[in-house]
Protein backbone atom coordinates (compact mmCIF):
# COMPACT_ATOMS: atom_id res chain seq x y z
CA UNK A 1 -59.86 -86.48 28.16
CA UNK A 2 -61.94 -89.26 26.64
CA UNK A 3 -65.63 -88.53 26.17
CA UNK A 4 -67.86 -89.58 29.08
CA UNK A 5 -71.62 -89.58 28.65
CA UNK A 6 -71.24 -87.46 25.51
CA UNK A 7 -69.05 -84.85 27.21
CA UNK A 8 -65.54 -83.98 26.10
CA UNK A 9 -63.38 -82.06 28.59
CA UNK A 10 -60.22 -80.22 27.55
CA UNK A 11 -57.87 -77.67 29.02
CA UNK A 12 -57.44 -74.36 27.18
CA UNK A 13 -53.85 -73.16 27.32
CA UNK A 14 -52.88 -69.53 27.90
CA UNK A 15 -53.58 -67.60 24.73
CA UNK A 16 -51.27 -64.99 23.19
CA UNK A 17 -52.42 -65.00 19.58
CA UNK A 18 -55.16 -62.99 17.89
CA UNK A 19 -58.17 -61.91 19.90
CA UNK A 20 -61.61 -62.54 18.46
CA UNK A 21 -64.25 -65.19 17.85
CA UNK A 22 -63.15 -68.74 17.09
CA UNK A 23 -65.07 -71.84 16.08
CA UNK A 24 -64.66 -74.96 18.18
CA UNK A 25 -64.21 -78.11 16.09
CA UNK A 26 -63.60 -81.60 17.44
CA UNK A 27 -61.27 -83.83 15.41
CA UNK A 28 -61.64 -87.58 15.77
CA UNK A 29 -59.35 -90.23 14.30
CA UNK A 30 -61.30 -90.29 11.06
CA UNK A 31 -62.89 -86.88 10.56
CA UNK A 32 -63.53 -83.39 11.90
CA UNK A 33 -66.86 -82.51 13.39
CA UNK A 34 -69.11 -79.67 12.38
CA UNK A 35 -68.75 -76.50 14.46
CA UNK A 36 -69.99 -77.30 17.96
CA UNK A 37 -69.53 -73.86 19.51
CA UNK A 38 -68.10 -70.38 19.00
CA UNK A 39 -65.94 -68.89 21.73
CA UNK A 40 -64.30 -65.49 22.07
CA UNK A 41 -60.62 -65.45 23.00
CA UNK A 42 -59.06 -62.41 24.67
CA UNK A 43 -55.42 -61.53 25.19
CA UNK A 44 -56.06 -60.33 28.76
CA UNK A 45 -58.90 -59.68 31.18
CA UNK A 46 -59.97 -56.06 31.74
CA UNK A 47 -58.94 -54.41 35.01
CA UNK A 48 -59.77 -51.17 36.86
CA UNK A 49 -57.00 -49.65 38.97
CA UNK A 50 -57.81 -45.93 39.42
CA UNK A 51 -60.76 -43.55 39.42
CA UNK A 52 -60.93 -39.81 38.86
CA UNK A 53 -63.74 -37.26 38.96
CA UNK A 54 -67.30 -37.89 40.08
CA UNK A 55 -66.59 -35.87 43.22
CA UNK A 56 -64.25 -38.63 44.43
CA UNK A 57 -61.29 -37.83 46.68
CA UNK A 58 -58.54 -40.40 47.19
CA UNK A 59 -58.31 -41.31 50.88
CA UNK A 60 -55.87 -44.21 50.84
CA UNK A 61 -54.31 -46.45 48.22
CA UNK A 62 -57.22 -48.09 46.44
CA UNK A 63 -59.97 -46.15 48.26
CA UNK A 64 -61.80 -43.06 47.00
CA UNK A 65 -64.48 -41.35 49.08
CA UNK A 66 -67.06 -38.65 48.54
CA UNK A 67 -68.23 -39.87 45.14
CA UNK A 68 -71.26 -37.62 44.77
CA UNK A 69 -71.92 -37.64 41.02
CA UNK A 70 -70.73 -36.17 37.73
CA UNK A 71 -68.28 -37.34 35.09
CA UNK A 72 -66.29 -40.30 36.40
CA UNK A 73 -63.19 -41.71 34.69
CA UNK A 74 -62.20 -45.31 35.32
CA UNK A 75 -58.59 -46.06 34.40
CA UNK A 76 -57.41 -49.56 33.62
CA UNK A 77 -56.56 -51.81 30.72
CA UNK A 78 -58.08 -54.13 28.12
CA UNK A 79 -61.51 -52.51 27.96
CA UNK A 80 -63.56 -53.14 24.83
CA UNK A 81 -62.11 -51.34 21.80
CA UNK A 82 -65.66 -50.40 20.75
CA UNK A 83 -66.72 -47.81 23.40
CA UNK A 84 -70.40 -48.77 23.32
CA UNK A 85 -69.49 -52.34 24.30
CA UNK A 86 -68.39 -51.14 27.77
CA UNK A 87 -70.88 -50.83 30.61
CA UNK A 88 -70.25 -49.84 34.23
CA UNK A 89 -71.62 -51.74 37.19
CA UNK A 90 -70.99 -51.54 40.92
CA UNK A 91 -70.61 -54.37 43.41
CA UNK A 92 -71.21 -53.57 47.08
CA UNK A 93 -68.53 -54.64 49.54
CA UNK A 94 -71.35 -55.13 52.05
CA UNK A 95 -73.10 -57.88 50.13
CA UNK A 96 -76.10 -57.75 47.74
CA UNK A 97 -78.07 -54.49 47.79
CA UNK A 98 -81.55 -53.65 46.58
CA UNK A 99 -80.16 -50.90 44.33
CA UNK A 100 -76.80 -49.70 43.08
CA UNK A 101 -75.31 -46.49 41.69
CA UNK A 102 -75.72 -45.87 37.97
CA UNK A 103 -73.01 -44.56 35.65
CA UNK A 104 -73.83 -44.10 31.95
CA UNK A 105 -70.83 -44.61 29.63
CA UNK A 106 -69.88 -41.62 27.46
CA UNK A 107 -68.60 -43.26 24.22
CA UNK A 108 -66.86 -40.13 22.88
CA UNK A 109 -64.60 -40.03 25.96
CA UNK A 110 -63.96 -43.78 26.26
CA UNK A 111 -60.90 -45.72 25.05
CA UNK A 112 -59.41 -49.16 25.62
CA UNK A 113 -57.71 -47.78 28.77
CA UNK A 114 -60.21 -45.20 30.07
CA UNK A 115 -63.96 -45.57 30.49
CA UNK A 116 -65.77 -42.28 31.12
CA UNK A 117 -69.28 -42.42 32.50
CA UNK A 118 -71.79 -40.05 34.07
CA UNK A 119 -72.33 -40.99 37.71
CA UNK A 120 -75.83 -40.09 38.82
CA UNK A 121 -75.84 -37.12 41.20
CA UNK A 122 -78.94 -38.59 42.82
CA UNK A 123 -77.07 -41.68 43.95
CA UNK A 124 -79.67 -42.73 46.52
CA UNK A 125 -77.31 -45.34 47.91
CA UNK A 126 -74.48 -45.17 50.40
CA UNK A 127 -71.69 -47.52 51.32
CA UNK A 128 -68.55 -48.77 49.61
CA UNK A 129 -68.67 -50.14 46.08
CA UNK A 130 -66.23 -51.66 43.61
CA UNK A 131 -66.58 -50.33 40.04
CA UNK A 132 -66.77 -53.14 37.48
CA UNK A 133 -66.45 -52.77 33.71
CA UNK A 134 -68.35 -55.20 31.53
CA UNK A 135 -66.16 -55.08 28.41
CA UNK A 136 -68.23 -56.85 25.79
CA UNK A 137 -68.80 -60.21 27.53
CA UNK A 138 -65.89 -59.90 29.98
CA UNK A 139 -66.24 -58.79 33.59
CA UNK A 140 -63.27 -56.78 34.83
CA UNK A 141 -61.42 -57.20 38.06
CA UNK A 142 -61.00 -54.13 40.25
CA UNK A 143 -58.38 -53.01 42.74
CA UNK A 144 -60.25 -49.87 43.79
CA UNK A 145 -63.23 -49.08 45.99
CA UNK A 146 -65.52 -46.04 45.95
CA UNK A 147 -67.31 -44.77 49.03
CA UNK A 148 -70.62 -43.25 47.98
CA UNK A 149 -71.74 -40.51 50.34
CA UNK A 150 -73.77 -37.34 49.81
CA UNK A 151 -71.77 -34.13 50.17
CA UNK A 152 -72.28 -32.23 53.42
CA UNK A 153 -73.94 -28.82 53.13
CA UNK A 154 -73.42 -25.95 55.58
CA UNK A 155 -76.57 -23.82 55.85
CA UNK A 156 -75.79 -21.52 58.75
CA UNK A 157 -73.39 -20.85 61.60
CA UNK A 158 -74.57 -19.47 64.96
CA UNK A 159 -73.12 -19.08 68.42
CA UNK A 160 -74.31 -17.82 71.79
CA UNK A 161 -70.85 -16.27 72.13
CA UNK A 162 -71.04 -14.41 68.81
CA UNK A 163 -72.82 -11.16 68.03
CA UNK A 164 -74.69 -10.78 64.76
CA UNK A 165 -73.45 -7.84 62.68
CA UNK A 166 -75.90 -7.00 59.92
CA UNK A 167 -77.68 -8.55 56.96
CA UNK A 168 -74.55 -10.24 55.58
CA UNK A 169 -74.67 -12.71 58.49
CA UNK A 170 -71.49 -11.39 60.07
CA UNK A 171 -70.75 -12.54 63.57
CA UNK A 172 -68.25 -11.08 66.00
CA UNK A 173 -66.79 -13.85 68.16
CA UNK A 174 -64.06 -14.29 70.70
CA UNK A 175 -61.42 -16.99 70.48
CA UNK A 176 -62.54 -20.23 72.09
CA UNK A 177 -66.20 -19.62 71.27
CA UNK A 178 -68.47 -22.57 70.56
CA UNK A 179 -70.14 -22.64 67.14
CA UNK A 180 -73.29 -24.44 66.06
CA UNK A 181 -73.11 -25.40 62.37
CA UNK A 182 -76.49 -26.29 60.85
CA UNK A 183 -76.70 -28.21 57.60
CA UNK A 184 -77.21 -31.66 56.12
CA UNK A 185 -75.30 -34.90 55.60
CA UNK A 186 -73.06 -34.66 58.65
CA UNK A 187 -72.05 -37.88 60.43
CA UNK A 188 -73.07 -38.88 63.93
CA UNK A 189 -69.54 -40.26 64.43
CA UNK A 190 -67.50 -37.36 65.82
CA UNK A 191 -64.27 -38.61 64.26
CA UNK A 192 -65.69 -38.42 60.72
CA UNK A 193 -66.49 -34.69 60.92
CA UNK A 194 -63.52 -32.36 60.49
CA UNK A 195 -64.05 -28.61 60.83
CA UNK A 196 -61.12 -26.45 59.77
CA UNK A 197 -60.24 -22.78 59.46
CA UNK A 198 -58.08 -22.19 56.39
CA UNK A 199 -56.06 -19.08 55.57
CA UNK A 200 -53.32 -18.33 53.08
CA UNK A 201 -50.73 -19.04 55.73
CA UNK A 202 -52.16 -21.56 58.16
CA UNK A 203 -54.79 -24.18 58.96
CA UNK A 204 -56.52 -24.28 62.32
CA UNK A 205 -58.76 -27.03 63.66
CA UNK A 206 -62.11 -26.45 65.29
CA UNK A 207 -62.72 -29.17 67.88
CA UNK A 208 -66.01 -30.99 67.22
CA UNK A 209 -67.81 -31.73 70.51
CA UNK A 210 -71.28 -32.77 69.30
CA UNK A 211 -72.39 -34.32 66.03
CA UNK A 212 -75.76 -35.09 64.46
CA UNK A 213 -76.77 -35.50 60.83
CA UNK A 214 -78.02 -31.88 60.64
CA UNK A 215 -75.87 -30.16 63.27
CA UNK A 216 -72.29 -29.91 64.46
CA UNK A 217 -71.05 -28.10 67.54
CA UNK A 218 -67.39 -27.18 67.68
CA UNK A 219 -65.04 -25.01 69.69
CA UNK A 220 -62.93 -22.34 68.00
CA UNK A 221 -59.20 -22.11 68.73
CA UNK A 222 -58.32 -19.86 71.66
CA UNK A 223 -56.54 -17.33 69.44
CA UNK A 224 -57.73 -16.22 66.00
CA UNK A 225 -55.94 -13.57 63.99
CA UNK A 226 -56.38 -13.13 60.28
CA UNK A 227 -58.93 -14.22 57.68
CA UNK A 228 -60.04 -17.85 57.36
CA UNK A 229 -62.40 -20.01 55.36
CA UNK A 230 -64.40 -22.36 57.53
CA UNK A 231 -64.78 -25.77 55.89
CA UNK A 232 -66.40 -29.03 56.91
CA UNK A 233 -65.17 -32.42 55.72
CA UNK A 234 -67.35 -35.46 56.43
CA UNK A 235 -65.58 -38.77 55.88
CA UNK A 236 -63.21 -37.01 53.49
CA UNK A 237 -65.90 -35.09 51.57
CA UNK A 238 -65.71 -31.28 51.48
CA UNK A 239 -68.85 -29.32 52.32
CA UNK A 240 -70.73 -27.73 49.45
CA UNK A 241 -70.81 -24.40 51.31
CA UNK A 242 -69.18 -22.94 54.38
CA UNK A 243 -68.33 -19.73 56.18
CA UNK A 244 -65.67 -17.05 56.22
CA UNK A 245 -63.94 -16.34 59.52
CA UNK A 246 -61.99 -13.10 59.76
CA UNK A 247 -60.63 -10.99 62.59
CA UNK A 248 -61.51 -7.47 63.67
CA UNK A 249 -58.49 -7.76 65.95
CA UNK A 250 -56.35 -10.56 67.26
CA UNK A 251 -59.00 -11.38 69.83
CA UNK A 252 -62.28 -10.64 68.02
CA UNK A 253 -62.83 -12.79 64.90
CA UNK A 254 -65.80 -12.24 62.62
CA UNK A 255 -67.75 -15.07 61.00
CA UNK A 256 -69.67 -14.53 57.77
CA UNK A 257 -71.63 -17.36 56.14
CA UNK A 258 -71.44 -17.64 52.34
């Protein structure tokens, strides 16, 4: 459009040529101007569409939970070809936050399609975040979300209906007994705590009846026969430690913390 108050407005068409830096020159009827600006043209905007590692477990399409730290791989397209020109940021889905997770890019394991970074184990923040790649000067879009939560830890298992059996913290229990699981990072929402007994052949649920951040109370199935691993999942995140549930007979299971 014609200049107004010294401003020239134009529309940049979709670009499919060579990516890189280009000078902007304005041609008038009589002559070309000096360079008035330098812009960088890209063939496509970077995107993030999948995550892997960092303790993350996929819960639904586009949502990963339990991201507790470690090497995190962000899969997508059109990241910066120079690995050190990629940085990782996180945008909270709950609005601006005072702090955000940190993830330091590992250049030796980063390509134009995969950015690998070290997610801080001491996250210090909870909630749901979208990972964003700053590829050179471009901010990526993202179709994934990461739920940052600390991993639950099982410290001990006790029960008024179980009898302690020696220094290895073995407990003899009857089916249907109520267990008190002490630990950290449990959820006060009953529905987000899942206690299971896993064996080579079957999976049994332990009904959670009370939940606090440091304690869960659950009821064992009426019949227990065999050897089981007791696990706790909180909002999709597996506990860092648990217990072993085995059976002296079909009616007398034994619980050993590990």
